[in-house]
């Protein structure tokens, strides 16, 4: 697992470095957009047998790469996945810190397609099977609702897949919704 984590960390660092270099080579069309939001989710498949829903929050930076059409995203947050105590009194909530990087593409104004990958750090080892982290990927569709000025409400629906980190179930996937306040800093 440590070897996979080291490889993923190296790839993430390489990806961010290339994205930063690409950003520096383009004409600055807009500033970096930051967002702070709430995340809710519903476990899917076998995962829903022992867990009801998730609640958390996240911060994200959208770094423009190509004329307000393509952005590199960096996202970090916290998720609490609530155990279904009616199924088993011994099942504990799962506490995760997901860290992701990816791309956000706007095929038309305000509508975007986003894909991210990264690592979910598991805070409570009771719920896991000797793992402290798992690989995650998250395709997402979303829309920016203008608020006036350069501020927006960023609403997106995503599928988040995690490699196995619990003792029960073969998948740890959920359907998530993120609603965030997005704002630029700078130009």
C-alpha atoms as a PDB file:
ATOM      1  CA  UNK A   1       0.000   0.000   0.000  1.00  0.00           C
ATOM      2  CA  UNK A   2       2.844   2.385   0.840  1.00  0.00           C
ATOM      3  CA  UNK A   3       4.317   1.762  -2.619  1.00  0.00           C
ATOM      4  CA  UNK A   4       0.978   2.627  -4.292  1.00  0.00           C
ATOM      5  CA  UNK A   5       0.657   5.750  -2.140  1.00  0.00           C
ATOM      6  CA  UNK A   6       4.173   6.875  -3.096  1.00  0.00           C
ATOM      7  CA  UNK A   7       3.430   6.346  -6.802  1.00  0.00           C
ATOM      8  CA  UNK A   8       0.118   8.220  -6.550  1.00  0.00           C
ATOM      9  CA  UNK A   9       1.763  11.080  -4.646  1.00  0.00           C
ATOM     10  CA  UNK A  10       4.501  11.335  -7.272  1.00  0.00           C
ATOM     11  CA  UNK A  11       1.957  11.315 -10.120  1.00  0.00           C
ATOM     12  CA  UNK A  12      -0.154  13.968  -8.376  1.00  0.00           C
ATOM     13  CA  UNK A  13       2.893  16.188  -7.844  1.00  0.00           C
ATOM     14  CA  UNK A  14       3.906  15.725 -11.487  1.00  0.00           C
ATOM     15  CA  UNK A  15       0.368  16.522 -12.659  1.00  0.00           C
ATOM     16  CA  UNK A  16       0.186  19.705 -10.564  1.00  0.00           C
ATOM     17  CA  UNK A  17       3.648  20.780 -11.779  1.00  0.00           C
ATOM     18  CA  UNK A  18       2.708  20.306 -15.435  1.00  0.00           C
ATOM     19  CA  UNK A  19      -0.598  22.117 -14.888  1.00  0.00           C
ATOM     20  CA  UNK A  20       1.191  25.029 -13.197  1.00  0.00           C
ATOM     21  CA  UNK A  21       3.716  25.232 -16.042  1.00  0.00           C
ATOM     22  CA  UNK A  22       0.894  25.136 -18.621  1.00  0.00           C
ATOM     23  CA  UNK A  23      -0.944  27.854 -16.719  1.00  0.00           C
ATOM     24  CA  UNK A  24       2.179  30.020 -16.682  1.00  0.00           C
ATOM     25  CA  UNK A  25       2.537  29.621 -20.475  1.00  0.00           C
ATOM     26  CA  UNK A  26      -1.004  30.818 -21.272  1.00  0.00           C
ATOM     27  CA  UNK A  27      -2.310  34.359 -21.326  1.00  0.00           C
ATOM     28  CA  UNK A  28      -4.085  34.973 -18.075  1.00  0.00           C
ATOM     29  CA  UNK A  29      -7.750  35.205 -19.033  1.00  0.00           C
ATOM     30  CA  UNK A  30      -9.124  35.085 -15.509  1.00  0.00           C
ATOM     31  CA  UNK A  31      -8.053  34.538 -11.943  1.00  0.00           C
ATOM     32  CA  UNK A  32      -8.127  31.382  -9.880  1.00  0.00           C
ATOM     33  CA  UNK A  33     -11.639  30.570  -8.684  1.00  0.00           C
ATOM     34  CA  UNK A  34     -11.969  29.244  -5.129  1.00  0.00           C
ATOM     35  CA  UNK A  35     -15.023  27.520  -3.697  1.00  0.00           C
ATOM     36  CA  UNK A  36     -16.126  26.423  -0.258  1.00  0.00           C
ATOM     37  CA  UNK A  37     -19.066  24.076   0.018  1.00  0.00           C
ATOM     38  CA  UNK A  38     -21.084  21.318   1.594  1.00  0.00           C
ATOM     39  CA  UNK A  39     -21.046  17.717   0.383  1.00  0.00           C
ATOM     40  CA  UNK A  40     -23.779  15.111   0.921  1.00  0.00           C
ATOM     41  CA  UNK A  41     -23.874  11.582  -0.430  1.00  0.00           C
ATOM     42  CA  UNK A  42     -25.714   8.281  -0.614  1.00  0.00           C
ATOM     43  CA  UNK A  43     -23.744   5.007  -0.465  1.00  0.00           C
ATOM     44  CA  UNK A  44     -24.260   2.660  -3.425  1.00  0.00           C
ATOM     45  CA  UNK A  45     -24.154  -1.109  -3.870  1.00  0.00           C
ATOM     46  CA  UNK A  46     -22.872  -3.275  -0.991  1.00  0.00           C
ATOM     47  CA  UNK A  47     -21.706  -0.131   0.794  1.00  0.00           C
ATOM     48  CA  UNK A  48     -25.334   0.904   1.362  1.00  0.00           C
ATOM     49  CA  UNK A  49     -25.980  -2.275   3.377  1.00  0.00           C
ATOM     50  CA  UNK A  50     -24.097  -0.882   6.392  1.00  0.00           C
ATOM     51  CA  UNK A  51     -24.003   2.892   5.758  1.00  0.00           C
ATOM     52  CA  UNK A  52     -26.870   5.369   5.306  1.00  0.00           C
ATOM     53  CA  UNK A  53     -25.466   8.657   4.018  1.00  0.00           C
ATOM     54  CA  UNK A  54     -22.520  11.042   4.187  1.00  0.00           C
ATOM     55  CA  UNK A  55     -22.053  14.677   5.117  1.00  0.00           C
ATOM     56  CA  UNK A  56     -18.988  16.829   4.791  1.00  0.00           C
ATOM     57  CA  UNK A  57     -17.394  19.910   3.364  1.00  0.00           C
ATOM     58  CA  UNK A  58     -14.702  20.792   0.878  1.00  0.00           C
ATOM     59  CA  UNK A  59     -12.568  23.576  -0.506  1.00  0.00           C
ATOM     60  CA  UNK A  60     -11.519  23.696  -4.137  1.00  0.00           C
ATOM     61  CA  UNK A  61      -9.319  25.802  -6.388  1.00  0.00           C
ATOM     62  CA  UNK A  62     -10.047  26.014 -10.130  1.00  0.00           C
ATOM     63  CA  UNK A  63      -6.901  27.136 -11.966  1.00  0.00           C
ATOM     64  CA  UNK A  64      -7.628  28.399 -15.510  1.00  0.00           C
ATOM     65  CA  UNK A  65      -5.569  26.749 -18.211  1.00  0.00           C
ATOM     66  CA  UNK A  66      -7.370  27.551 -21.476  1.00  0.00           C
ATOM     67  CA  UNK A  67      -9.544  30.654 -22.034  1.00  0.00           C
ATOM     68  CA  UNK A  68     -12.139  29.954 -19.312  1.00  0.00           C
ATOM     69  CA  UNK A  69     -12.886  26.571 -20.919  1.00  0.00           C
ATOM     70  CA  UNK A  70     -10.449  24.252 -19.143  1.00  0.00           C
ATOM     71  CA  UNK A  71      -9.365  24.381 -15.506  1.00  0.00           C
ATOM     72  CA  UNK A  72      -7.110  22.270 -13.309  1.00  0.00           C
ATOM     73  CA  UNK A  73      -8.841  21.532 -10.002  1.00  0.00           C
ATOM     74  CA  UNK A  74      -7.394  20.848  -6.587  1.00  0.00           C
ATOM     75  CA  UNK A  75      -9.868  19.746  -3.919  1.00  0.00           C
ATOM     76  CA  UNK A  76      -9.634  18.738  -0.248  1.00  0.00           C
ATOM     77  CA  UNK A  77     -12.326  18.119   2.325  1.00  0.00           C
ATOM     78  CA  UNK A  78     -13.817  16.009   5.059  1.00  0.00           C
ATOM     79  CA  UNK A  79     -16.560  13.354   4.830  1.00  0.00           C
ATOM     80  CA  UNK A  80     -18.368  11.542   7.613  1.00  0.00           C
ATOM     81  CA  UNK A  81     -20.112   8.412   6.323  1.00  0.00           C
ATOM     82  CA  UNK A  82     -22.826   7.510   8.826  1.00  0.00           C
ATOM     83  CA  UNK A  83     -23.235   3.858   9.814  1.00  0.00           C
ATOM     84  CA  UNK A  84     -26.671   2.252   9.833  1.00  0.00           C
ATOM     85  CA  UNK A  85     -26.944   1.311  13.523  1.00  0.00           C
ATOM     86  CA  UNK A  86     -30.150  -0.691  12.857  1.00  0.00           C
ATOM     87  CA  UNK A  87     -28.048  -3.197  10.873  1.00  0.00           C
ATOM     88  CA  UNK A  88     -25.209  -3.599  13.375  1.00  0.00           C
ATOM     89  CA  UNK A  89     -24.353  -1.827  16.584  1.00  0.00           C
ATOM     90  CA  UNK A  90     -20.687  -2.635  15.930  1.00  0.00           C
ATOM     91  CA  UNK A  91     -20.440  -0.712  12.647  1.00  0.00           C
ATOM     92  CA  UNK A  92     -18.730   2.642  13.169  1.00  0.00           C
ATOM     93  CA  UNK A  93     -18.990   5.820  11.117  1.00  0.00           C
ATOM     94  CA  UNK A  94     -16.189   6.302   8.600  1.00  0.00           C
ATOM     95  CA  UNK A  95     -14.258   9.585   8.678  1.00  0.00           C
ATOM     96  CA  UNK A  96     -12.380  10.477   5.474  1.00  0.00           C
ATOM     97  CA  UNK A  97     -10.195  13.315   4.248  1.00  0.00           C
ATOM     98  CA  UNK A  98     -10.348  13.170   0.433  1.00  0.00           C
ATOM     99  CA  UNK A  99      -7.614  14.970  -1.509  1.00  0.00           C
ATOM    100  CA  UNK A 100      -8.155  15.147  -5.282  1.00  0.00           C
ATOM    101  CA  UNK A 101      -6.802  16.807  -8.418  1.00  0.00           C
ATOM    102  CA  UNK A 102      -8.363  16.856 -11.850  1.00  0.00           C
ATOM    103  CA  UNK A 103      -9.747  18.764 -14.793  1.00  0.00           C
ATOM    104  CA  UNK A 104     -12.920  20.836 -15.207  1.00  0.00           C
ATOM    105  CA  UNK A 105     -14.130  21.428 -18.778  1.00  0.00           C
ATOM    106  CA  UNK A 106     -16.886  23.857 -19.841  1.00  0.00           C
ATOM    107  CA  UNK A 107     -18.388  22.648 -23.170  1.00  0.00           C
ATOM    108  CA  UNK A 108     -20.989  25.466 -22.936  1.00  0.00           C
ATOM    109  CA  UNK A 109     -21.233  28.515 -20.685  1.00  0.00           C
ATOM    110  CA  UNK A 110     -21.662  27.654 -16.985  1.00  0.00           C
ATOM    111  CA  UNK A 111     -22.151  23.869 -17.555  1.00  0.00           C
ATOM    112  CA  UNK A 112     -19.123  21.702 -16.788  1.00  0.00           C
ATOM    113  CA  UNK A 113     -17.816  18.163 -16.853  1.00  0.00           C
ATOM    114  CA  UNK A 114     -15.210  17.403 -14.204  1.00  0.00           C
ATOM    115  CA  UNK A 115     -13.020  14.421 -13.487  1.00  0.00           C
ATOM    116  CA  UNK A 116     -10.801  14.029 -10.436  1.00  0.00           C
ATOM    117  CA  UNK A 117      -8.621  11.354  -8.853  1.00  0.00           C
ATOM    118  CA  UNK A 118      -6.743  11.200  -5.591  1.00  0.00           C
ATOM    119  CA  UNK A 119      -6.586   9.639  -2.155  1.00  0.00           C
ATOM    120  CA  UNK A 120      -9.064   9.282   0.713  1.00  0.00           C
ATOM    121  CA  UNK A 121      -7.230   9.281   4.030  1.00  0.00           C
ATOM    122  CA  UNK A 122      -9.090   7.165   6.585  1.00  0.00           C
ATOM    123  CA  UNK A 123      -9.088   8.748  10.029  1.00  0.00           C
ATOM    124  CA  UNK A 124     -10.616   5.922  12.068  1.00  0.00           C
ATOM    125  CA  UNK A 125      -8.935   2.526  11.733  1.00  0.00           C
ATOM    126  CA  UNK A 126     -11.829   0.710  13.473  1.00  0.00           C
ATOM    127  CA  UNK A 127     -13.874   0.889  10.262  1.00  0.00           C
ATOM    128  CA  UNK A 128     -11.066  -0.121   7.939  1.00  0.00           C
ATOM    129  CA  UNK A 129      -9.179  -3.317   7.277  1.00  0.00           C
ATOM    130  CA  UNK A 130      -5.684  -2.124   8.221  1.00  0.00           C
ATOM    131  CA  UNK A 131      -5.756   0.616   5.573  1.00  0.00           C
ATOM    132  CA  UNK A 132      -5.013   4.259   6.196  1.00  0.00           C
ATOM    133  CA  UNK A 133      -5.787   5.443   2.659  1.00  0.00           C
ATOM    134  CA  UNK A 134      -7.607   4.399  -0.489  1.00  0.00           C
ATOM    135  CA  UNK A 135      -7.532   5.449  -4.131  1.00  0.00           C
ATOM    136  CA  UNK A 136     -10.544   7.476  -5.286  1.00  0.00           C
ATOM    137  CA  UNK A 137     -11.915   8.772  -8.560  1.00  0.00           C
ATOM    138  CA  UNK A 138     -14.829  11.136  -9.077  1.00  0.00           C
ATOM    139  CA  UNK A 139     -16.484  12.064 -12.385  1.00  0.00           C
ATOM    140  CA  UNK A 140     -18.887  14.992 -11.961  1.00  0.00           C
ATOM    141  CA  UNK A 141     -21.406  17.133 -13.866  1.00  0.00           C
ATOM    142  CA  UNK A 142     -22.208  20.603 -12.627  1.00  0.00           C
ATOM    143  CA  UNK A 143     -23.400  24.122 -13.232  1.00  0.00           C
ATOM    144  CA  UNK A 144     -22.253  27.575 -12.112  1.00  0.00           C
ATOM    145  CA  UNK A 145     -25.187  29.792 -11.098  1.00  0.00           C
ATOM    146  CA  UNK A 146     -24.107  33.468 -11.337  1.00  0.00           C
ATOM    147  CA  UNK A 147     -24.727  35.563  -8.214  1.00  0.00           C
ATOM    148  CA  UNK A 148     -23.516  38.898  -9.551  1.00  0.00           C
ATOM    149  CA  UNK A 149     -20.037  40.200  -9.962  1.00  0.00           C
ATOM    150  CA  UNK A 150     -17.717  37.224 -10.316  1.00  0.00           C
ATOM    151  CA  UNK A 151     -19.304  35.088  -7.570  1.00  0.00           C
ATOM    152  CA  UNK A 152     -21.245  31.903  -8.312  1.00  0.00           C
ATOM    153  CA  UNK A 153     -23.001  28.998  -6.708  1.00  0.00           C
ATOM    154  CA  UNK A 154     -21.209  25.862  -7.943  1.00  0.00           C
ATOM    155  CA  UNK A 155     -23.559  22.850  -7.843  1.00  0.00           C
ATOM    156  CA  UNK A 156     -22.373  19.440  -9.002  1.00  0.00           C
ATOM    157  CA  UNK A 157     -23.460  15.801  -8.885  1.00  0.00           C
ATOM    158  CA  UNK A 158     -20.727  13.170  -8.823  1.00  0.00           C
ATOM    159  CA  UNK A 159     -20.096   9.466  -8.564  1.00  0.00           C
ATOM    160  CA  UNK A 160     -17.243   8.863  -6.141  1.00  0.00           C
ATOM    161  CA  UNK A 161     -15.532   5.504  -6.255  1.00  0.00           C
ATOM    162  CA  UNK A 162     -13.066   4.365  -3.602  1.00  0.00           C
ATOM    163  CA  UNK A 163     -10.953   1.250  -3.503  1.00  0.00           C
ATOM    164  CA  UNK A 164     -12.066  -1.122  -0.761  1.00  0.00           C
ATOM    165  CA  UNK A 165     -11.418   0.202   2.746  1.00  0.00           C
ATOM    166  CA  UNK A 166     -14.071  -1.463   4.896  1.00  0.00           C
ATOM    167  CA  UNK A 167     -14.314  -5.015   6.190  1.00  0.00           C
ATOM    168  CA  UNK A 168     -17.836  -5.489   4.837  1.00  0.00           C
ATOM    169  CA  UNK A 169     -18.759  -5.006   1.199  1.00  0.00           C
ATOM    170  CA  UNK A 170     -16.743  -5.106  -1.966  1.00  0.00           C
ATOM    171  CA  UNK A 171     -17.304  -1.519  -3.063  1.00  0.00           C
ATOM    172  CA  UNK A 172     -17.152   1.806  -1.260  1.00  0.00           C
ATOM    173  CA  UNK A 173     -18.882   4.038  -3.781  1.00  0.00           C
ATOM    174  CA  UNK A 174     -21.405   6.804  -3.334  1.00  0.00           C
ATOM    175  CA  UNK A 175     -23.440   9.336  -5.273  1.00  0.00           C
ATOM    176  CA  UNK A 176     -22.628  12.832  -4.052  1.00  0.00           C
ATOM    177  CA  UNK A 177     -23.889  16.388  -4.326  1.00  0.00           C
ATOM    178  CA  UNK A 178     -21.664  19.418  -3.756  1.00  0.00           C
ATOM    179  CA  UNK A 179     -23.094  22.919  -3.395  1.00  0.00           C
ATOM    180  CA  UNK A 180     -20.457  25.610  -2.936  1.00  0.00           C
ATOM    181  CA  UNK A 181     -19.937  29.351  -2.939  1.00  0.00           C
ATOM    182  CA  UNK A 182     -17.364  30.136  -5.669  1.00  0.00           C
ATOM    183  CA  UNK A 183     -15.376  33.367  -5.842  1.00  0.00           C
ATOM    184  CA  UNK A 184     -12.201  34.661  -7.488  1.00  0.00           C
ATOM    185  CA  UNK A 185      -9.294  36.281  -5.712  1.00  0.00           C
ATOM    186  CA  UNK A 186      -7.317  38.684  -7.838  1.00  0.00           C
ATOM    187  CA  UNK A 187      -8.281  40.127 -11.221  1.00  0.00           C
END
